[in-house]
Amino acid sequence: MKINIYIIDKKSKDQLYAPLIEHYKKIAKPFAKVEIFEIFTKEISKAHEISTDASQKSYTLALNKHLSSGFNIALNPNSKEVNSYEFSNLFKDRGVVNLFIGGAFGFERDFLTKCNTSISLGKITMSHKLTKVVLMEQIFRGLTILNNHPYHK
């Protein structure tokens, strides 16, 4: 299984969360290859200065090419909240799963309709860097649930 995380975020030399993210990528290896792709274009930067709509459109343009024949999941705070078991079922019997994290202004409806589903990690607001850590932990937890590994208990 391959899990790709596409996130609208500037690449950074994060010293705090990067080791945790790498830890979860490493311990997930027996179950899946997990990769994170940080995307932030000049168009996104310019759009942030224009409007919410322009920003959302720029996210769609940047992420559209990453929608694939895999199972596409958008993280959207207005979507259904899922627990760890429901989250794990999103990976069941999938070859490739793509997870999308939008920018500061969220996704436009057009992008959400192109995804197979959208979910919420909760109603709280987290930084993108912390969201990556939480998502990585939940991916690992979901994979252990599917593989009857004791971690999830």
N, C-alpha and C. Protein backbone atom coordinates (compact mmCIF):
# COMPACT_ATOMS: atom_id res chain seq x y z
N MET A 1 0.84 -1.18 0.00
CA MET A 1 0.00 0.00 0.00
C MET A 1 0.89 1.24 0.00
N LYS A 2 0.40 2.27 -0.67
CA LYS A 2 1.11 3.56 -0.71
C LYS A 2 0.14 4.64 -0.25
N ILE A 3 0.60 5.48 0.66
CA ILE A 3 -0.20 6.59 1.16
C ILE A 3 0.56 7.88 0.88
N ASN A 4 -0.08 8.78 0.13
CA ASN A 4 0.51 10.07 -0.18
C ASN A 4 -0.27 11.16 0.54
N ILE A 5 0.47 12.08 1.15
CA ILE A 5 -0.15 13.23 1.80
C ILE A 5 0.29 14.46 1.02
N TYR A 6 -0.68 15.18 0.47
CA TYR A 6 -0.41 16.42 -0.26
C TYR A 6 -0.94 17.56 0.59
N ILE A 7 -0.06 18.49 0.91
CA ILE A 7 -0.42 19.57 1.82
C ILE A 7 0.00 20.92 1.24
N ILE A 8 -0.92 21.88 1.31
CA ILE A 8 -0.59 23.24 0.90
C ILE A 8 0.17 23.86 2.08
N ASP A 9 1.47 23.92 1.94
CA ASP A 9 2.31 24.42 3.02
C ASP A 9 3.70 24.69 2.46
N LYS A 10 4.34 25.70 3.01
CA LYS A 10 5.71 25.99 2.60
C LYS A 10 6.64 24.93 3.17
N LYS A 11 7.62 24.53 2.37
CA LYS A 11 8.63 23.61 2.87
C LYS A 11 9.42 24.34 3.95
N SER A 12 9.66 23.66 5.04
CA SER A 12 10.39 24.30 6.12
C SER A 12 11.39 23.34 6.73
N LYS A 13 12.33 23.89 7.41
CA LYS A 13 13.32 23.09 8.14
C LYS A 13 12.84 22.96 9.59
N ASP A 14 11.66 22.38 9.74
CA ASP A 14 11.04 22.23 11.05
C ASP A 14 11.86 21.29 11.94
N GLN A 15 12.27 21.78 13.08
CA GLN A 15 13.07 20.97 14.00
C GLN A 15 12.23 20.28 15.06
N LEU A 16 11.03 20.80 15.29
CA LEU A 16 10.20 20.26 16.36
C LEU A 16 9.41 19.02 15.93
N TYR A 17 8.67 19.13 14.81
CA TYR A 17 7.78 18.06 14.40
C TYR A 17 8.40 17.06 13.42
N ALA A 18 9.41 17.48 12.68
CA ALA A 18 10.01 16.61 11.67
C ALA A 18 10.46 15.26 12.22
N PRO A 19 11.10 15.21 13.38
CA PRO A 19 11.51 13.89 13.91
C PRO A 19 10.31 12.97 14.20
N LEU A 20 9.20 13.55 14.68
CA LEU A 20 8.00 12.74 14.93
C LEU A 20 7.42 12.21 13.63
N ILE A 21 7.37 13.05 12.61
CA ILE A 21 6.85 12.63 11.32
C ILE A 21 7.71 11.50 10.75
N GLU A 22 9.01 11.66 10.82
CA GLU A 22 9.92 10.62 10.33
C GLU A 22 9.75 9.33 11.13
N HIS A 23 9.54 9.45 12.44
CA HIS A 23 9.30 8.28 13.29
C HIS A 23 8.08 7.50 12.80
N TYR A 24 6.97 8.20 12.55
CA TYR A 24 5.76 7.52 12.11
C TYR A 24 5.91 6.93 10.71
N LYS A 25 6.63 7.62 9.83
CA LYS A 25 6.89 7.07 8.50
C LYS A 25 7.66 5.76 8.62
N LYS A 26 8.65 5.75 9.51
CA LYS A 26 9.50 4.56 9.69
C LYS A 26 8.71 3.38 10.26
N ILE A 27 7.93 3.61 11.30
CA ILE A 27 7.22 2.49 11.92
C ILE A 27 6.02 2.03 11.08
N ALA A 28 5.59 2.86 10.14
CA ALA A 28 4.49 2.47 9.24
C ALA A 28 4.98 1.60 8.09
N LYS A 29 6.31 1.59 7.84
CA LYS A 29 6.88 0.89 6.67
C LYS A 29 6.44 -0.56 6.51
N PRO A 30 6.30 -1.34 7.59
CA PRO A 30 5.86 -2.73 7.37
C PRO A 30 4.45 -2.83 6.74
N PHE A 31 3.67 -1.76 6.87
CA PHE A 31 2.29 -1.77 6.40
C PHE A 31 2.07 -0.96 5.13
N ALA A 32 2.80 0.15 4.99
CA ALA A 32 2.59 1.05 3.85
C ALA A 32 3.77 2.00 3.70
N LYS A 33 3.97 2.45 2.48
CA LYS A 33 4.94 3.51 2.23
C LYS A 33 4.17 4.82 2.31
N VAL A 34 4.61 5.71 3.20
CA VAL A 34 3.93 6.98 3.40
C VAL A 34 4.87 8.10 2.96
N GLU A 35 4.35 8.97 2.10
CA GLU A 35 5.13 10.12 1.64
C GLU A 35 4.34 11.40 1.82
N ILE A 36 5.06 12.48 2.14
CA ILE A 36 4.44 13.79 2.30
C ILE A 36 4.99 14.73 1.24
N PHE A 37 4.08 15.44 0.58
CA PHE A 37 4.45 16.40 -0.45
C PHE A 37 3.92 17.77 -0.05
N GLU A 38 4.84 18.69 0.26
CA GLU A 38 4.45 20.06 0.61
C GLU A 38 4.43 20.88 -0.67
N ILE A 39 3.34 21.56 -0.90
CA ILE A 39 3.14 22.31 -2.14
C ILE A 39 2.82 23.76 -1.81
N PHE A 40 3.60 24.66 -2.36
CA PHE A 40 3.32 26.10 -2.18
C PHE A 40 3.93 26.83 -3.38
N THR A 41 3.07 27.30 -4.27
CA THR A 41 3.51 27.93 -5.51
C THR A 41 3.44 29.45 -5.41
N LYS A 42 4.03 30.11 -6.38
CA LYS A 42 3.94 31.58 -6.45
C LYS A 42 2.49 32.00 -6.62
N GLU A 43 1.73 31.19 -7.37
CA GLU A 43 0.31 31.50 -7.59
C GLU A 43 -0.47 31.47 -6.28
N ILE A 44 -0.15 30.51 -5.43
CA ILE A 44 -0.82 30.43 -4.12
C ILE A 44 -0.46 31.65 -3.29
N SER A 45 0.80 32.01 -3.28
CA SER A 45 1.25 33.17 -2.52
C SER A 45 0.53 34.43 -2.97
N LYS A 46 0.43 34.63 -4.28
CA LYS A 46 -0.27 35.81 -4.83
C LYS A 46 -1.76 35.77 -4.50
N ALA A 47 -2.36 34.60 -4.63
CA ALA A 47 -3.79 34.45 -4.37
C ALA A 47 -4.14 34.77 -2.93
N HIS A 48 -3.25 34.47 -2.00
CA HIS A 48 -3.49 34.78 -0.58
C HIS A 48 -3.67 36.28 -0.35
N GLU A 49 -3.08 37.07 -1.22
CA GLU A 49 -3.20 38.53 -1.09
C GLU A 49 -4.46 39.06 -1.76
N ILE A 50 -5.15 38.21 -2.54
CA ILE A 50 -6.33 38.66 -3.28
C ILE A 50 -7.62 38.37 -2.52
N SER A 51 -7.93 37.08 -2.31
CA SER A 51 -9.19 36.73 -1.65
C SER A 51 -9.22 35.25 -1.28
N THR A 52 -10.24 34.90 -0.50
CA THR A 52 -10.46 33.50 -0.14
C THR A 52 -10.72 32.67 -1.39
N ASP A 53 -11.60 33.17 -2.27
CA ASP A 53 -11.93 32.44 -3.49
C ASP A 53 -10.70 32.21 -4.35
N ALA A 54 -9.90 33.25 -4.54
CA ALA A 54 -8.68 33.13 -5.35
C ALA A 54 -7.73 32.11 -4.72
N SER A 55 -7.64 32.13 -3.40
CA SER A 55 -6.76 31.19 -2.70
C SER A 55 -7.23 29.76 -2.91
N GLN A 56 -8.52 29.53 -2.72
CA GLN A 56 -9.06 28.18 -2.91
C GLN A 56 -8.86 27.69 -4.34
N LYS A 57 -9.06 28.55 -5.30
CA LYS A 57 -8.84 28.17 -6.71
C LYS A 57 -7.37 27.81 -6.95
N SER A 58 -6.46 28.56 -6.33
CA SER A 58 -5.04 28.26 -6.50
C SER A 58 -4.68 26.91 -5.88
N TYR A 59 -5.33 26.55 -4.77
CA TYR A 59 -5.09 25.24 -4.16
C TYR A 59 -5.56 24.14 -5.11
N THR A 60 -6.76 24.34 -5.69
CA THR A 60 -7.29 23.34 -6.62
C THR A 60 -6.34 23.15 -7.80
N LEU A 61 -5.86 24.25 -8.36
CA LEU A 61 -4.93 24.17 -9.50
C LEU A 61 -3.66 23.41 -9.11
N ALA A 62 -3.17 23.65 -7.92
CA ALA A 62 -1.93 23.00 -7.47
C ALA A 62 -2.13 21.52 -7.16
N LEU A 63 -3.32 21.16 -6.69
CA LEU A 63 -3.56 19.78 -6.24
C LEU A 63 -4.22 18.87 -7.27
N ASN A 64 -4.91 19.45 -8.25
CA ASN A 64 -5.63 18.66 -9.25
C ASN A 64 -4.78 17.56 -9.87
N LYS A 65 -3.54 17.89 -10.18
CA LYS A 65 -2.68 16.92 -10.87
C LYS A 65 -2.30 15.73 -9.98
N HIS A 66 -2.58 15.84 -8.69
CA HIS A 66 -2.24 14.76 -7.76
C HIS A 66 -3.44 13.84 -7.48
N LEU A 67 -4.61 14.23 -7.99
CA LEU A 67 -5.77 13.33 -7.90
C LEU A 67 -5.48 12.18 -8.84
N SER A 68 -5.57 10.97 -8.36
CA SER A 68 -5.21 9.84 -9.21
C SER A 68 -6.28 8.77 -9.15
N SER A 69 -5.95 7.66 -9.76
CA SER A 69 -6.87 6.52 -9.74
C SER A 69 -6.89 5.89 -8.35
N GLY A 70 -6.06 6.39 -7.45
CA GLY A 70 -6.11 5.92 -6.07
C GLY A 70 -7.36 6.45 -5.39
N PHE A 71 -7.47 6.19 -4.10
CA PHE A 71 -8.60 6.68 -3.31
C PHE A 71 -8.22 8.03 -2.75
N ASN A 72 -8.98 9.07 -3.09
CA ASN A 72 -8.65 10.45 -2.75
C ASN A 72 -9.53 10.95 -1.60
N ILE A 73 -8.85 11.42 -0.54
CA ILE A 73 -9.53 11.88 0.67
C ILE A 73 -9.09 13.31 0.97
N ALA A 74 -10.05 14.22 1.07
CA ALA A 74 -9.74 15.60 1.46
C ALA A 74 -10.00 15.76 2.95
N LEU A 75 -9.09 16.43 3.64
CA LEU A 75 -9.33 16.79 5.03
C LEU A 75 -10.02 18.14 5.03
N ASN A 76 -11.21 18.16 5.58
CA ASN A 76 -12.06 19.34 5.52
C ASN A 76 -12.79 19.48 6.86
N PRO A 77 -12.59 20.58 7.58
CA PRO A 77 -13.20 20.69 8.91
C PRO A 77 -14.73 20.65 8.91
N ASN A 78 -15.35 20.90 7.76
CA ASN A 78 -16.82 20.88 7.69
C ASN A 78 -17.38 19.52 7.32
N SER A 79 -16.51 18.55 7.13
CA SER A 79 -16.96 17.20 6.78
C SER A 79 -17.21 16.38 8.04
N LYS A 80 -17.60 15.12 7.83
CA LYS A 80 -17.91 14.22 8.94
C LYS A 80 -16.64 13.91 9.74
N GLU A 81 -16.75 14.02 11.05
CA GLU A 81 -15.66 13.59 11.91
C GLU A 81 -15.65 12.07 11.95
N VAL A 82 -14.45 11.49 11.91
CA VAL A 82 -14.33 10.03 11.97
C VAL A 82 -13.50 9.62 13.17
N ASN A 83 -13.81 8.44 13.70
CA ASN A 83 -12.97 7.92 14.77
C ASN A 83 -11.86 7.08 14.13
N SER A 84 -10.98 6.54 14.92
CA SER A 84 -9.82 5.82 14.40
C SER A 84 -10.21 4.57 13.61
N TYR A 85 -11.29 3.89 14.02
CA TYR A 85 -11.72 2.70 13.31
C TYR A 85 -12.32 3.06 11.94
N GLU A 86 -13.13 4.12 11.92
CA GLU A 86 -13.68 4.58 10.64
C GLU A 86 -12.56 5.05 9.71
N PHE A 87 -11.59 5.73 10.30
CA PHE A 87 -10.44 6.19 9.51
C PHE A 87 -9.67 5.01 8.93
N SER A 88 -9.45 3.98 9.74
CA SER A 88 -8.71 2.81 9.26
C SER A 88 -9.43 2.13 8.09
N ASN A 89 -10.75 2.14 8.12
CA ASN A 89 -11.51 1.51 7.03
C ASN A 89 -11.33 2.21 5.70
N LEU A 90 -10.91 3.47 5.71
CA LEU A 90 -10.65 4.19 4.47
C LEU A 90 -9.45 3.60 3.73
N PHE A 91 -8.58 2.89 4.45
CA PHE A 91 -7.39 2.28 3.85
C PHE A 91 -7.61 0.83 3.41
N LYS A 92 -8.69 0.24 3.88
CA LYS A 92 -8.93 -1.18 3.66
C LYS A 92 -9.03 -1.50 2.17
N ASP A 93 -8.24 -2.49 1.75
CA ASP A 93 -8.25 -2.98 0.36
C ASP A 93 -7.93 -1.91 -0.67
N ARG A 94 -7.07 -0.97 -0.31
CA ARG A 94 -6.68 0.10 -1.25
C ARG A 94 -5.21 -0.08 -1.61
N GLY A 95 -4.88 0.19 -2.86
CA GLY A 95 -3.48 0.16 -3.28
C GLY A 95 -2.80 1.49 -3.02
N VAL A 96 -3.50 2.58 -3.39
CA VAL A 96 -2.97 3.93 -3.21
C VAL A 96 -4.05 4.79 -2.57
N VAL A 97 -3.67 5.50 -1.52
CA VAL A 97 -4.56 6.46 -0.87
C VAL A 97 -3.86 7.82 -0.91
N ASN A 98 -4.59 8.83 -1.37
CA ASN A 98 -4.07 10.20 -1.39
C ASN A 98 -4.88 11.03 -0.41
N LEU A 99 -4.18 11.66 0.53
CA LEU A 99 -4.82 12.55 1.50
C LEU A 99 -4.44 13.98 1.15
N PHE A 100 -5.42 14.88 1.17
CA PHE A 100 -5.18 16.27 0.79
C PHE A 100 -5.52 17.20 1.95
N ILE A 101 -4.56 18.08 2.26
CA ILE A 101 -4.75 19.09 3.30
C ILE A 101 -4.66 20.43 2.60
N GLY A 102 -5.73 21.19 2.65
CA GLY A 102 -5.79 22.48 1.96
C GLY A 102 -4.98 23.55 2.67
N GLY A 103 -5.03 24.72 2.09
CA GLY A 103 -4.33 25.86 2.68
C GLY A 103 -5.17 26.53 3.75
N ALA A 104 -4.76 27.70 4.14
CA ALA A 104 -5.41 28.44 5.22
C ALA A 104 -6.89 28.72 4.95
N PHE A 105 -7.28 28.76 3.67
CA PHE A 105 -8.65 29.11 3.32
C PHE A 105 -9.50 27.89 2.95
N GLY A 106 -8.97 26.71 3.13
CA GLY A 106 -9.73 25.50 2.86
C GLY A 106 -9.89 25.21 1.38
N PHE A 107 -10.71 24.21 1.09
CA PHE A 107 -10.92 23.79 -0.29
C PHE A 107 -12.16 24.44 -0.89
N GLU A 108 -12.12 24.61 -2.20
CA GLU A 108 -13.35 25.02 -2.89
C GLU A 108 -14.17 23.76 -3.16
N ARG A 109 -15.46 23.94 -3.30
CA ARG A 109 -16.39 22.82 -3.49
C ARG A 109 -15.97 21.96 -4.69
N ASP A 110 -15.48 22.57 -5.75
CA ASP A 110 -15.06 21.84 -6.95
C ASP A 110 -14.03 20.77 -6.63
N PHE A 111 -13.04 21.10 -5.80
CA PHE A 111 -12.02 20.12 -5.45
C PHE A 111 -12.60 19.00 -4.59
N LEU A 112 -13.43 19.37 -3.63
CA LEU A 112 -14.03 18.37 -2.73
C LEU A 112 -14.86 17.35 -3.51
N THR A 113 -15.55 17.79 -4.55
CA THR A 113 -16.38 16.86 -5.33
C THR A 113 -15.54 15.92 -6.18
N LYS A 114 -14.29 16.29 -6.46
CA LYS A 114 -13.41 15.41 -7.23
C LYS A 114 -12.81 14.30 -6.36
N CYS A 115 -12.83 14.49 -5.06
CA CYS A 115 -12.30 13.47 -4.14
C CYS A 115 -13.36 12.40 -3.89
N ASN A 116 -12.91 11.20 -3.51
CA ASN A 116 -13.84 10.13 -3.21
C ASN A 116 -14.62 10.40 -1.94
N THR A 117 -13.97 11.07 -0.98
CA THR A 117 -14.63 11.41 0.27
C THR A 117 -13.86 12.55 0.93
N SER A 118 -14.47 13.13 1.93
CA SER A 118 -13.77 14.12 2.75
C SER A 118 -14.11 13.83 4.21
N ILE A 119 -13.15 14.09 5.07
CA ILE A 119 -13.30 13.81 6.49
C ILE A 119 -12.77 14.99 7.30
N SER A 120 -13.15 15.00 8.57
CA SER A 120 -12.64 16.01 9.50
C SER A 120 -11.88 15.32 10.62
N LEU A 121 -10.76 15.90 11.00
CA LEU A 121 -10.02 15.40 12.16
C LEU A 121 -10.56 16.02 13.45
N GLY A 122 -11.56 16.88 13.33
CA GLY A 122 -12.16 17.53 14.50
C GLY A 122 -12.40 19.00 14.23
N LYS A 123 -13.08 19.63 15.14
CA LYS A 123 -13.46 21.03 14.97
C LYS A 123 -12.39 22.01 15.47
N ILE A 124 -11.36 21.50 16.12
CA ILE A 124 -10.31 22.40 16.58
C ILE A 124 -9.43 22.81 15.40
N THR A 125 -8.80 23.96 15.53
CA THR A 125 -7.89 24.43 14.50
C THR A 125 -6.46 24.10 14.93
N MET A 126 -5.71 23.48 14.00
CA MET A 126 -4.31 23.14 14.26
C MET A 126 -3.45 23.76 13.18
N SER A 127 -2.21 24.01 13.52
CA SER A 127 -1.26 24.44 12.50
C SER A 127 -1.06 23.29 11.52
N HIS A 128 -0.63 23.62 10.30
CA HIS A 128 -0.38 22.57 9.31
C HIS A 128 0.69 21.60 9.80
N LYS A 129 1.68 22.10 10.47
CA LYS A 129 2.75 21.24 10.95
C LYS A 129 2.24 20.24 11.99
N LEU A 130 1.41 20.69 12.89
CA LEU A 130 0.83 19.79 13.89
C LEU A 130 -0.17 18.84 13.24
N THR A 131 -0.92 19.32 12.26
CA THR A 131 -1.86 18.45 11.54
C THR A 131 -1.13 17.28 10.90
N LYS A 132 0.06 17.54 10.35
CA LYS A 132 0.84 16.46 9.74
C LYS A 132 1.19 15.39 10.77
N VAL A 133 1.57 15.81 11.97
CA VAL A 133 1.91 14.85 13.03
C VAL A 133 0.68 14.04 13.44
N VAL A 134 -0.43 14.72 13.67
CA VAL A 134 -1.66 14.03 14.07
C VAL A 134 -2.10 13.06 12.97
N LEU A 135 -2.04 13.51 11.73
CA LEU A 135 -2.42 12.64 10.62
C LEU A 135 -1.49 11.43 10.51
N MET A 136 -0.20 11.64 10.68
CA MET A 136 0.75 10.52 10.62
C MET A 136 0.46 9.50 11.72
N GLU A 137 0.15 9.97 12.92
CA GLU A 137 -0.15 9.05 14.02
C GLU A 137 -1.43 8.28 13.71
N GLN A 138 -2.43 8.96 13.17
CA GLN A 138 -3.69 8.29 12.86
C GLN A 138 -3.53 7.31 11.69
N ILE A 139 -2.67 7.64 10.74
CA ILE A 139 -2.39 6.69 9.65
C ILE A 139 -1.76 5.43 10.23
N PHE A 140 -0.75 5.61 11.08
CA PHE A 140 -0.12 4.44 11.70
C PHE A 140 -1.14 3.65 12.52
N ARG A 141 -1.93 4.35 13.32
CA ARG A 141 -2.95 3.69 14.14
C ARG A 141 -3.93 2.92 13.23
N GLY A 142 -4.37 3.56 12.14
CA GLY A 142 -5.29 2.89 11.23
C GLY A 142 -4.70 1.65 10.61
N LEU A 143 -3.43 1.73 10.22
CA LEU A 143 -2.76 0.57 9.64
C LEU A 143 -2.62 -0.56 10.66
N THR A 144 -2.36 -0.20 11.92
CA THR A 144 -2.25 -1.26 12.94
C THR A 144 -3.61 -1.89 13.24
N ILE A 145 -4.66 -1.11 13.16
CA ILE A 145 -6.01 -1.66 13.34
C ILE A 145 -6.28 -2.70 12.25
N LEU A 146 -5.99 -2.33 11.01
CA LEU A 146 -6.25 -3.24 9.89
C LEU A 146 -5.39 -4.50 9.95
N ASN A 147 -4.23 -4.40 10.59
CA ASN A 147 -3.31 -5.53 10.64
C ASN A 147 -3.27 -6.22 12.01
N ASN A 148 -4.26 -5.94 12.84
CA ASN A 148 -4.37 -6.56 14.17
C ASN A 148 -3.09 -6.43 14.99
N HIS A 149 -2.47 -5.30 14.89
CA HIS A 149 -1.26 -4.99 15.66
C HIS A 149 -1.72 -4.39 16.99
N PRO A 150 -1.05 -4.68 18.10
CA PRO A 150 -1.53 -4.22 19.41
C PRO A 150 -1.40 -2.70 19.67
N TYR A 151 -0.73 -1.94 18.83
CA TYR A 151 -0.54 -0.51 19.07
C TYR A 151 -1.85 0.23 19.34
N HIS A 152 -2.88 -0.09 18.61
CA HIS A 152 -4.11 0.70 18.65
C HIS A 152 -4.93 0.50 19.92
N LYS A 153 -4.54 -0.41 20.78
CA LYS A 153 -5.35 -0.67 21.98
C LYS A 153 -4.94 0.22 23.12
